């Protein structure tokens, strides 16, 4: 956002473009990515029908 206060027109335009890009990346990361990951993962909510000895895998690769 500091570049938008520049006296040079090209620097001001670059600042506006960068600010817009950062906003869209933030928007995608916070609002769009979590639902996409849930759909891609394919897991369903736990409905309580698990056996007592069933384990749940939590963690890395």
N, C-alpha and C. Protein backbone atom coordinates (compact mmCIF):
# COMPACT_ATOMS: atom_id res chain seq x y z
N UNK A 1 0.81 -1.20 0.00
CA UNK A 1 0.00 0.00 0.00
C UNK A 1 0.85 1.26 0.00
N UNK A 2 2.08 1.15 0.41
CA UNK A 2 2.95 2.33 0.44
C UNK A 2 3.22 2.83 -0.98
N UNK A 3 3.24 1.93 -1.95
CA UNK A 3 3.52 2.36 -3.32
C UNK A 3 2.38 3.21 -3.91
N UNK A 4 1.17 3.08 -3.37
CA UNK A 4 0.05 3.86 -3.90
C UNK A 4 0.19 5.35 -3.57
N UNK A 5 1.07 5.70 -2.64
CA UNK A 5 1.29 7.10 -2.29
C UNK A 5 2.42 7.73 -3.10
N UNK A 6 2.96 7.01 -4.05
CA UNK A 6 4.10 7.49 -4.84
C UNK A 6 3.67 8.59 -5.81
N UNK A 7 4.61 9.46 -6.13
CA UNK A 7 4.35 10.51 -7.12
C UNK A 7 4.45 9.97 -8.55
N UNK A 8 5.21 8.90 -8.74
CA UNK A 8 5.35 8.30 -10.06
C UNK A 8 4.12 7.46 -10.39
N UNK A 9 3.54 7.71 -11.56
CA UNK A 9 2.31 7.03 -11.95
C UNK A 9 2.52 5.52 -12.05
N UNK A 10 3.63 5.09 -12.64
CA UNK A 10 3.87 3.66 -12.79
C UNK A 10 4.01 2.96 -11.44
N UNK A 11 4.67 3.61 -10.50
CA UNK A 11 4.81 3.02 -9.16
C UNK A 11 3.46 2.94 -8.46
N UNK A 12 2.64 3.98 -8.63
CA UNK A 12 1.31 3.99 -8.02
C UNK A 12 0.45 2.87 -8.60
N UNK A 13 0.51 2.69 -9.91
CA UNK A 13 -0.27 1.62 -10.55
C UNK A 13 0.22 0.25 -10.12
N UNK A 14 1.54 0.11 -9.97
CA UNK A 14 2.07 -1.16 -9.51
C UNK A 14 1.62 -1.44 -8.07
N UNK A 15 1.59 -0.41 -7.24
CA UNK A 15 1.12 -0.57 -5.87
C UNK A 15 -0.33 -0.99 -5.80
N UNK A 16 -1.15 -0.41 -6.67
CA UNK A 16 -2.57 -0.79 -6.72
C UNK A 16 -2.73 -2.23 -7.18
N UNK A 17 -1.96 -2.62 -8.19
CA UNK A 17 -2.04 -4.00 -8.69
C UNK A 17 -1.57 -4.99 -7.63
N UNK A 18 -0.50 -4.67 -6.94
CA UNK A 18 0.00 -5.56 -5.89
C UNK A 18 -0.98 -5.67 -4.73
N UNK A 19 -1.58 -4.55 -4.33
CA UNK A 19 -2.55 -4.58 -3.25
C UNK A 19 -3.76 -5.42 -3.63
N UNK A 20 -4.20 -5.30 -4.88
CA UNK A 20 -5.32 -6.10 -5.35
C UNK A 20 -4.97 -7.58 -5.37
N UNK A 21 -3.77 -7.91 -5.81
CA UNK A 21 -3.33 -9.30 -5.82
C UNK A 21 -3.24 -9.88 -4.43
N UNK A 22 -2.72 -9.11 -3.49
CA UNK A 22 -2.63 -9.58 -2.10
C UNK A 22 -4.02 -9.80 -1.52
N UNK A 23 -4.95 -8.89 -1.82
CA UNK A 23 -6.33 -9.06 -1.34
C UNK A 23 -6.94 -10.34 -1.88
N UNK A 24 -6.78 -10.61 -3.17
CA UNK A 24 -7.37 -11.81 -3.75
C UNK A 24 -6.73 -13.08 -3.21
N UNK A 25 -5.44 -13.05 -2.95
CA UNK A 25 -4.77 -14.21 -2.35
C UNK A 25 -5.29 -14.45 -0.94
N UNK A 26 -5.46 -13.38 -0.18
CA UNK A 26 -6.01 -13.51 1.17
C UNK A 26 -7.43 -14.06 1.12
N UNK A 27 -8.23 -13.54 0.19
CA UNK A 27 -9.61 -14.01 0.02
C UNK A 27 -9.64 -15.50 -0.31
N UNK A 28 -8.80 -15.91 -1.24
CA UNK A 28 -8.76 -17.32 -1.64
C UNK A 28 -8.31 -18.21 -0.49
N UNK A 29 -7.32 -17.77 0.25
CA UNK A 29 -6.78 -18.59 1.33
C UNK A 29 -7.75 -18.72 2.50
N UNK A 30 -8.51 -17.69 2.79
CA UNK A 30 -9.37 -17.73 3.97
C UNK A 30 -10.79 -18.20 3.68
N UNK A 31 -11.32 -17.90 2.52
CA UNK A 31 -12.72 -18.23 2.26
C UNK A 31 -12.92 -19.37 1.26
N UNK A 32 -12.02 -19.56 0.34
CA UNK A 32 -12.24 -20.56 -0.69
C UNK A 32 -11.46 -21.85 -0.46
N UNK A 33 -10.28 -21.77 0.10
CA UNK A 33 -9.45 -22.95 0.27
C UNK A 33 -10.03 -23.98 1.24
N UNK A 34 -10.53 -23.61 2.42
CA UNK A 34 -11.06 -24.63 3.32
C UNK A 34 -12.20 -25.47 2.73
N UNK A 35 -13.21 -24.88 2.08
CA UNK A 35 -14.25 -25.73 1.48
C UNK A 35 -13.71 -26.63 0.36
N UNK A 36 -12.77 -26.13 -0.41
CA UNK A 36 -12.19 -26.94 -1.47
C UNK A 36 -11.45 -28.14 -0.88
N UNK A 37 -10.74 -27.93 0.21
CA UNK A 37 -10.03 -29.03 0.85
C UNK A 37 -10.99 -30.06 1.42
N UNK A 38 -12.11 -29.63 1.97
CA UNK A 38 -13.09 -30.57 2.51
C UNK A 38 -13.69 -31.40 1.38
N UNK A 39 -14.03 -30.77 0.28
CA UNK A 39 -14.61 -31.50 -0.85
C UNK A 39 -13.59 -32.45 -1.46
N UNK A 40 -12.37 -32.00 -1.60
CA UNK A 40 -11.32 -32.82 -2.20
C UNK A 40 -10.97 -34.01 -1.31
N UNK A 41 -11.00 -33.82 0.01
CA UNK A 41 -10.64 -34.87 0.94
C UNK A 41 -11.65 -36.01 0.91
N UNK A 42 -12.92 -35.70 0.78
CA UNK A 42 -13.94 -36.72 0.65
C UNK A 42 -14.38 -37.35 1.95
N UNK A 43 -13.87 -36.91 3.07
CA UNK A 43 -14.30 -37.46 4.36
C UNK A 43 -15.65 -36.89 4.75
N UNK A 44 -16.38 -37.68 5.48
CA UNK A 44 -17.68 -37.24 5.97
C UNK A 44 -17.59 -36.97 7.47
N UNK A 45 -18.61 -36.32 7.98
CA UNK A 45 -18.68 -36.10 9.42
C UNK A 45 -18.86 -37.43 10.13
N UNK A 46 -18.44 -37.47 11.37
CA UNK A 46 -18.62 -38.67 12.18
C UNK A 46 -20.08 -38.73 12.62
N UNK A 47 -20.75 -39.83 12.29
CA UNK A 47 -22.15 -39.97 12.67
C UNK A 47 -22.33 -40.81 13.94
N UNK A 48 -21.25 -41.17 14.60
CA UNK A 48 -21.33 -41.90 15.85
C UNK A 48 -21.45 -43.40 15.69
N UNK A 49 -21.29 -43.93 14.49
CA UNK A 49 -21.43 -45.37 14.26
C UNK A 49 -20.11 -46.12 14.28
N UNK A 50 -19.07 -45.50 14.79
CA UNK A 50 -17.79 -46.19 14.86
C UNK A 50 -17.78 -47.18 16.00
N UNK A 51 -17.03 -48.25 15.81
CA UNK A 51 -16.83 -49.19 16.90
C UNK A 51 -15.88 -48.58 17.91
N UNK A 52 -15.87 -49.15 19.10
CA UNK A 52 -15.04 -48.60 20.16
C UNK A 52 -13.56 -48.71 19.84
N UNK A 53 -13.14 -49.76 19.13
CA UNK A 53 -11.73 -49.99 18.85
C UNK A 53 -11.25 -49.32 17.57
N UNK A 54 -12.14 -48.74 16.81
CA UNK A 54 -11.72 -48.07 15.57
C UNK A 54 -10.84 -46.88 15.90
N UNK A 55 -9.80 -46.73 15.13
CA UNK A 55 -8.90 -45.60 15.36
C UNK A 55 -9.09 -44.56 14.26
N UNK A 56 -8.69 -43.37 14.57
CA UNK A 56 -8.76 -42.27 13.62
C UNK A 56 -7.34 -41.84 13.32
N UNK A 57 -7.00 -41.74 12.04
CA UNK A 57 -5.67 -41.28 11.65
C UNK A 57 -5.64 -39.77 11.68
N UNK A 58 -4.78 -39.23 12.50
CA UNK A 58 -4.60 -37.78 12.58
C UNK A 58 -3.14 -37.49 12.36
N UNK A 59 -2.86 -36.67 11.38
CA UNK A 59 -1.47 -36.28 11.24
C UNK A 59 -0.94 -36.33 9.84
N UNK A 60 0.36 -36.25 9.79
CA UNK A 60 1.14 -36.00 8.59
C UNK A 60 1.02 -37.01 7.48
N UNK A 61 2.00 -36.96 6.63
CA UNK A 61 1.98 -37.77 5.43
C UNK A 61 2.55 -39.07 5.73
